C-alpha cells in the first residue's frame, strides 16, 4: 500500500536552538488529523500557534487554510480561481476576517466611534453584495462582503454597522488600478486590523457607489470603508431605523 502524506513535507527545520519542542513533537500529518477531528477549531489553532515558531508556521501554512475552506468552501474556491494556492495576505489573516469584527477605537479610522473588536460566531459573506460596493467600471472584480455587524445606540451616530470583505486577486484588480490612477493616499497612521497592511480610504478616493447604501439599509452619505494592500475591506455605516413592521417581525 502506498503511503500518502496529508501535508506537503517541509525540508527546512524551523525550530530555534532554544525551542522546547526539539526533544520531540508530533508530525505535521498528526497535527492535521488532530485538528481535522476538532473541526479546525480557530481558538485552538490560535493557542497552538503561540507554542513556538514551528507550530506557528504550520498553522499559517496548513491549519488556517483548512479552517477557511471548512468555514466558507464556495468563497474559498472563488478566491483561488486565479490559480494561486494562497490568497492575498495569508490564511491566518483571512481566518481572522471570517470570524472577527474589528470594531474601532475612538480617534481611529472612524473618528468618534468606540466599539471594541469582538469575535462573531457566524457571518454571511456574499459575492452579490460585493458587487454593490464597486463602481460600474470595476464590477468585473470579485469581492465578498459580510452582512453588517450591528451595534445599537452609539450616541450621536445612532445605530451603526461594521462590515468586512475580501477581494479575489486584489493585486490585479480594477479597483487597485483605479486607486493608483487616482493617486489615492494611504491612511497616515492606521493599518489593516487583519494583516497590518496600509489602507486606502475609498470615500476620499470617491469610489463608493450609491448602491451600497440601499444594500446595507444605511443612510445616504453615511457609509465609509477602507481597502488594504492585500484586498481586505473594512467599513462602517449608520443604519436606518427599523420600521414598526420590521420590529414586530423580529420580535416574532
Protein backbone atom coordinates (compact mmCIF):
# COMPACT_ATOMS: atom_id res chain seq x y z
CA UNK A 1 0.00 0.00 0.00
CA UNK A 2 1.37 3.40 -0.98
CA UNK A 3 1.59 5.79 1.99
CA UNK A 4 0.34 9.28 1.17
CA UNK A 5 1.25 12.44 3.04
CA UNK A 6 -1.58 14.67 4.22
CA UNK A 7 0.73 17.68 4.46
CA UNK A 8 3.45 18.55 1.95
CA UNK A 9 6.82 17.77 3.50
CA UNK A 10 8.94 20.74 4.60
CA UNK A 11 12.66 20.04 4.35
CA UNK A 12 13.90 23.03 6.35
CA UNK A 13 13.63 22.83 10.16
CA UNK A 14 12.06 25.98 11.54
CA UNK A 15 12.89 25.35 15.21
CA UNK A 16 15.17 27.77 17.02
CA UNK A 17 18.06 26.45 19.13
CA UNK A 18 16.09 27.19 22.30
CA UNK A 19 12.79 25.65 21.18
CA UNK A 20 11.32 23.33 23.81
CA UNK A 21 9.91 21.14 21.04
CA UNK A 22 13.36 19.90 19.94
CA UNK A 23 13.06 16.97 22.33
CA UNK A 24 10.27 15.59 20.19
CA UNK A 25 6.95 16.71 18.78
CA UNK A 26 4.06 15.50 16.68
CA UNK A 27 4.46 15.20 12.93
CA UNK A 28 2.62 17.58 10.63
CA UNK A 29 0.33 14.76 9.50
CA UNK A 30 -0.58 14.00 13.12
CA UNK A 31 -1.40 17.66 13.79
CA UNK A 32 -3.51 17.73 10.65
CA UNK A 33 -5.56 14.73 11.79
CA UNK A 34 -6.00 16.13 15.31
CA UNK A 35 -7.32 19.48 14.11
CA UNK A 36 -9.46 17.82 11.47
CA UNK A 37 -11.11 15.88 14.31
CA UNK A 38 -11.54 19.20 16.18
CA UNK A 39 -13.27 20.66 13.10
CA UNK A 40 -10.44 23.19 12.65
CA UNK A 41 -11.32 25.00 15.90
CA UNK A 42 -9.95 28.55 15.43
CA UNK A 43 -9.40 29.20 19.15
CA UNK A 44 -7.28 26.05 19.49
CA UNK A 45 -5.33 26.87 16.31
CA UNK A 46 -4.55 30.32 17.75
CA UNK A 47 -3.45 28.84 21.08
CA UNK A 48 -1.22 26.26 19.40
CA UNK A 49 0.38 28.98 17.25
CA UNK A 50 1.78 30.57 20.40
CA UNK A 51 3.80 27.48 21.39
CA UNK A 52 6.77 28.03 19.08
CA UNK A 53 7.79 29.16 15.60
CA UNK A 54 7.31 25.69 14.10
CA UNK A 55 3.75 25.39 15.34
CA UNK A 56 3.01 28.95 14.17
CA UNK A 57 4.30 28.21 10.67
CA UNK A 58 2.30 25.01 10.21
CA UNK A 59 -0.78 26.87 11.47
CA UNK A 60 -0.28 29.65 8.90
CA UNK A 61 0.52 27.26 6.06
CA UNK A 62 -1.96 24.44 6.68
CA UNK A 63 -4.40 24.78 9.58
CA UNK A 64 -5.78 28.26 8.88
CA UNK A 65 -6.22 27.30 5.24
CA UNK A 66 -8.25 24.25 6.24
CA UNK A 67 -10.29 26.35 8.68
CA UNK A 68 -11.14 28.85 5.92
CA UNK A 69 -12.06 26.09 3.48
CA UNK A 70 -14.31 24.39 6.04
CA UNK A 71 -15.99 27.63 7.14
CA UNK A 72 -16.63 29.10 3.66
CA UNK A 73 -15.93 26.49 0.95
CA UNK A 74 -17.57 28.27 -2.02
CA UNK A 75 -15.95 31.57 -1.14
CA UNK A 76 -12.53 29.92 -0.82
CA UNK A 77 -12.99 28.21 -4.18
CA UNK A 78 -13.74 31.57 -5.82
CA UNK A 79 -10.82 33.33 -4.14
CA UNK A 80 -8.38 30.77 -5.56
CA UNK A 81 -9.77 30.63 -9.11
CA UNK A 82 -6.85 32.69 -10.38
CA UNK A 83 -4.65 29.62 -9.96
CA UNK A 84 -2.82 30.74 -6.84
CA UNK A 85 -2.55 28.29 -3.94
CA UNK A 86 -2.75 31.19 -1.50
CA UNK A 87 -4.93 34.23 -1.05
CA UNK A 88 -3.63 37.79 -0.88
CA UNK A 89 -2.13 38.37 2.56
CA UNK A 90 -2.20 34.95 4.23
CA UNK A 91 -4.57 32.30 5.51
CA UNK A 92 -4.29 33.44 9.12
CA UNK A 93 -5.44 36.95 8.18
CA UNK A 94 -8.35 35.57 6.19
CA UNK A 95 -9.32 33.24 9.03
CA UNK A 96 -9.43 36.21 11.39
CA UNK A 97 -11.50 38.23 8.92
CA UNK A 98 -14.09 35.43 8.74
CA UNK A 99 -14.78 35.41 12.48
CA UNK A 100 -13.66 38.78 13.88
CA UNK A 101 -15.38 42.17 13.77
CA UNK A 102 -12.56 44.67 14.24
CA UNK A 103 -14.77 47.46 15.63
CA UNK A 104 -12.81 50.67 16.09
CA UNK A 105 -11.24 52.85 18.76
CA UNK A 106 -12.06 56.49 19.38
CA UNK A 107 -9.87 58.68 17.21
CA UNK A 108 -9.03 55.78 14.89
CA UNK A 109 -10.34 55.01 11.41
CA UNK A 110 -13.89 56.05 12.15
CA UNK A 111 -13.43 59.13 14.33
CA UNK A 112 -15.60 59.22 17.46
CA UNK A 113 -16.95 55.67 17.35
CA UNK A 114 -15.59 53.40 20.09
CA UNK A 115 -16.64 49.76 19.71
CA UNK A 116 -14.23 47.05 20.91
CA UNK A 117 -13.33 44.34 18.44
CA UNK A 118 -15.03 41.00 19.06
CA UNK A 119 -15.48 37.52 17.65
CA UNK A 120 -18.70 36.68 15.84
CA UNK A 121 -19.83 33.04 15.71
CA UNK A 122 -21.42 33.22 12.26
CA UNK A 123 -21.28 35.74 9.43
CA UNK A 124 -22.66 35.53 5.90
CA UNK A 125 -20.35 36.75 3.12
CA UNK A 126 -21.91 37.47 -0.26
CA UNK A 127 -20.41 37.96 -3.70
CA UNK A 128 -23.69 39.53 -4.84
CA UNK A 129 -23.45 42.10 -2.04
CA UNK A 130 -19.87 42.77 -3.05
CA UNK A 131 -20.97 44.00 -6.50
CA UNK A 132 -22.87 46.85 -4.80
CA UNK A 133 -19.62 48.09 -3.25
CA UNK A 134 -17.95 48.52 -6.65
CA UNK A 135 -18.22 51.29 -9.22
CA UNK A 136 -19.73 50.09 -12.54
CA UNK A 137 -16.33 50.09 -14.26
CA UNK A 138 -14.93 47.80 -11.53
CA UNK A 139 -17.71 45.21 -11.38
CA UNK A 140 -15.69 42.55 -13.14
CA UNK A 141 -13.73 42.31 -9.86
CA UNK A 142 -14.77 39.63 -7.37
CA UNK A 143 -15.47 40.94 -3.87
CA UNK A 144 -17.12 39.13 -0.98
CA UNK A 145 -18.66 41.35 1.74
CA UNK A 146 -20.25 40.41 5.06
CA UNK A 147 -23.61 41.45 6.41
CA UNK A 148 -23.24 44.37 8.85
CA UNK A 149 -22.40 43.56 12.44
CA UNK A 150 -24.91 45.81 14.21
CA UNK A 151 -24.18 47.98 17.26
CA UNK A 152 -27.11 49.99 18.55
CA UNK A 153 -27.36 53.35 20.34
CA UNK A 154 -23.88 54.68 19.62
CA UNK A 155 -24.61 58.20 20.85
CA UNK A 156 -24.96 60.84 18.15
CA UNK A 157 -24.15 58.23 15.50
CA UNK A 158 -27.25 56.18 16.29
CA UNK A 159 -27.20 52.54 15.18
CA UNK A 160 -24.02 51.62 13.31
CA UNK A 161 -22.97 48.55 11.39
CA UNK A 162 -19.45 47.26 10.74
CA UNK A 163 -18.78 45.16 7.66
CA UNK A 164 -15.74 43.47 6.20
CA UNK A 165 -14.77 41.76 2.98
CA UNK A 166 -12.09 40.28 0.73
CA UNK A 167 -11.18 40.70 -2.98
CA UNK A 168 -10.12 37.91 -5.27
CA UNK A 169 -6.63 38.64 -6.69
CA UNK A 170 -6.65 42.24 -5.49
CA UNK A 171 -3.15 42.86 -6.85
CA UNK A 172 -4.50 42.73 -10.43
CA UNK A 173 -7.97 44.14 -9.74
CA UNK A 174 -9.59 47.14 -11.43
CA UNK A 175 -10.18 48.70 -8.02
CA UNK A 176 -6.47 48.73 -7.19
CA UNK A 177 -5.61 50.09 -10.64
CA UNK A 178 -8.14 52.91 -10.21
CA UNK A 179 -6.83 53.77 -6.74
CA UNK A 180 -3.32 54.09 -8.18
CA UNK A 181 -4.54 56.09 -11.19
CA UNK A 182 -6.34 58.49 -8.85
CA UNK A 183 -3.20 58.78 -6.71
CA UNK A 184 -5.17 57.83 -3.61
CA UNK A 185 -3.30 58.36 -0.35
CA UNK A 186 -2.79 55.78 2.36
CA UNK A 187 -4.10 56.46 5.86
CA UNK A 188 -1.22 58.19 7.68
CA UNK A 189 -1.31 56.09 10.86
CA UNK A 190 -3.86 53.25 10.82
CA UNK A 191 -3.27 49.82 9.25
CA UNK A 192 -5.45 46.82 8.41
CA UNK A 193 -6.51 45.01 11.62
CA UNK A 194 -6.27 41.68 9.79
CA UNK A 195 -2.85 41.82 8.09
CA UNK A 196 -1.25 45.15 9.18
CA UNK A 197 -1.02 46.41 5.57
CA UNK A 198 -1.57 50.05 4.59
CA UNK A 199 -5.11 51.26 3.93
CA UNK A 200 -6.77 53.29 1.20
CA UNK A 201 -9.86 55.35 2.09
CA UNK A 202 -12.48 54.61 -0.58
CA UNK A 203 -14.55 57.65 0.42
CA UNK A 204 -11.64 60.04 -0.12
CA UNK A 205 -10.93 58.31 -3.43
CA UNK A 206 -14.58 58.90 -4.41
CA UNK A 207 -15.06 55.22 -5.15
CA UNK A 208 -18.15 54.43 -3.05
CA UNK A 209 -21.23 53.93 -5.27
CA UNK A 210 -24.69 54.97 -4.10
CA UNK A 211 -25.90 51.37 -4.47
CA UNK A 212 -24.07 50.42 -1.29
CA UNK A 213 -26.44 52.43 0.96
CA UNK A 214 -29.53 50.51 -0.14
CA UNK A 215 -27.66 47.20 0.15
CA UNK A 216 -26.71 47.95 3.76
CA UNK A 217 -30.02 49.64 4.71
CA UNK A 218 -27.93 52.69 5.63
CA UNK A 219 -28.42 56.43 5.39
CA UNK A 220 -27.10 58.11 2.25
CA UNK A 221 -23.62 59.59 2.72
CA UNK A 222 -23.17 57.63 5.95
CA UNK A 223 -21.03 54.79 4.58
CA UNK A 224 -17.25 54.69 4.71
CA UNK A 225 -14.82 51.89 4.04
CA UNK A 226 -11.15 51.15 3.53
CA UNK A 227 -9.28 48.61 1.41
CA UNK A 228 -5.79 47.42 2.30
CA UNK A 229 -2.93 46.42 0.01
CA UNK A 230 -3.91 42.77 0.43
CA UNK A 231 -7.54 43.34 -0.58
CA UNK A 232 -9.17 43.19 2.84
CA UNK A 233 -12.10 45.59 3.14
CA UNK A 234 -13.46 47.05 6.38
CA UNK A 235 -16.11 49.71 6.84
CA UNK A 236 -18.85 51.34 8.83
CA UNK A 237 -22.35 52.63 8.11
CA UNK A 238 -25.14 54.37 10.00
CA UNK A 239 -28.14 52.08 9.81
CA UNK A 240 -31.67 53.17 9.05
CA UNK A 241 -34.13 52.57 11.92
CA UNK A 242 -36.39 49.55 11.74
CA UNK A 243 -39.99 50.22 10.75
CA UNK A 244 -42.76 49.14 13.10
CA UNK A 245 -43.49 46.19 10.82
CA UNK A 246 -39.86 45.04 10.84
CA UNK A 247 -39.64 45.38 14.62
CA UNK A 248 -42.76 43.25 15.06
CA UNK A 249 -41.34 40.64 12.69
CA UNK A 250 -38.08 40.50 14.66
CA UNK A 251 -39.98 40.01 17.92
CA UNK A 252 -41.86 37.07 16.45
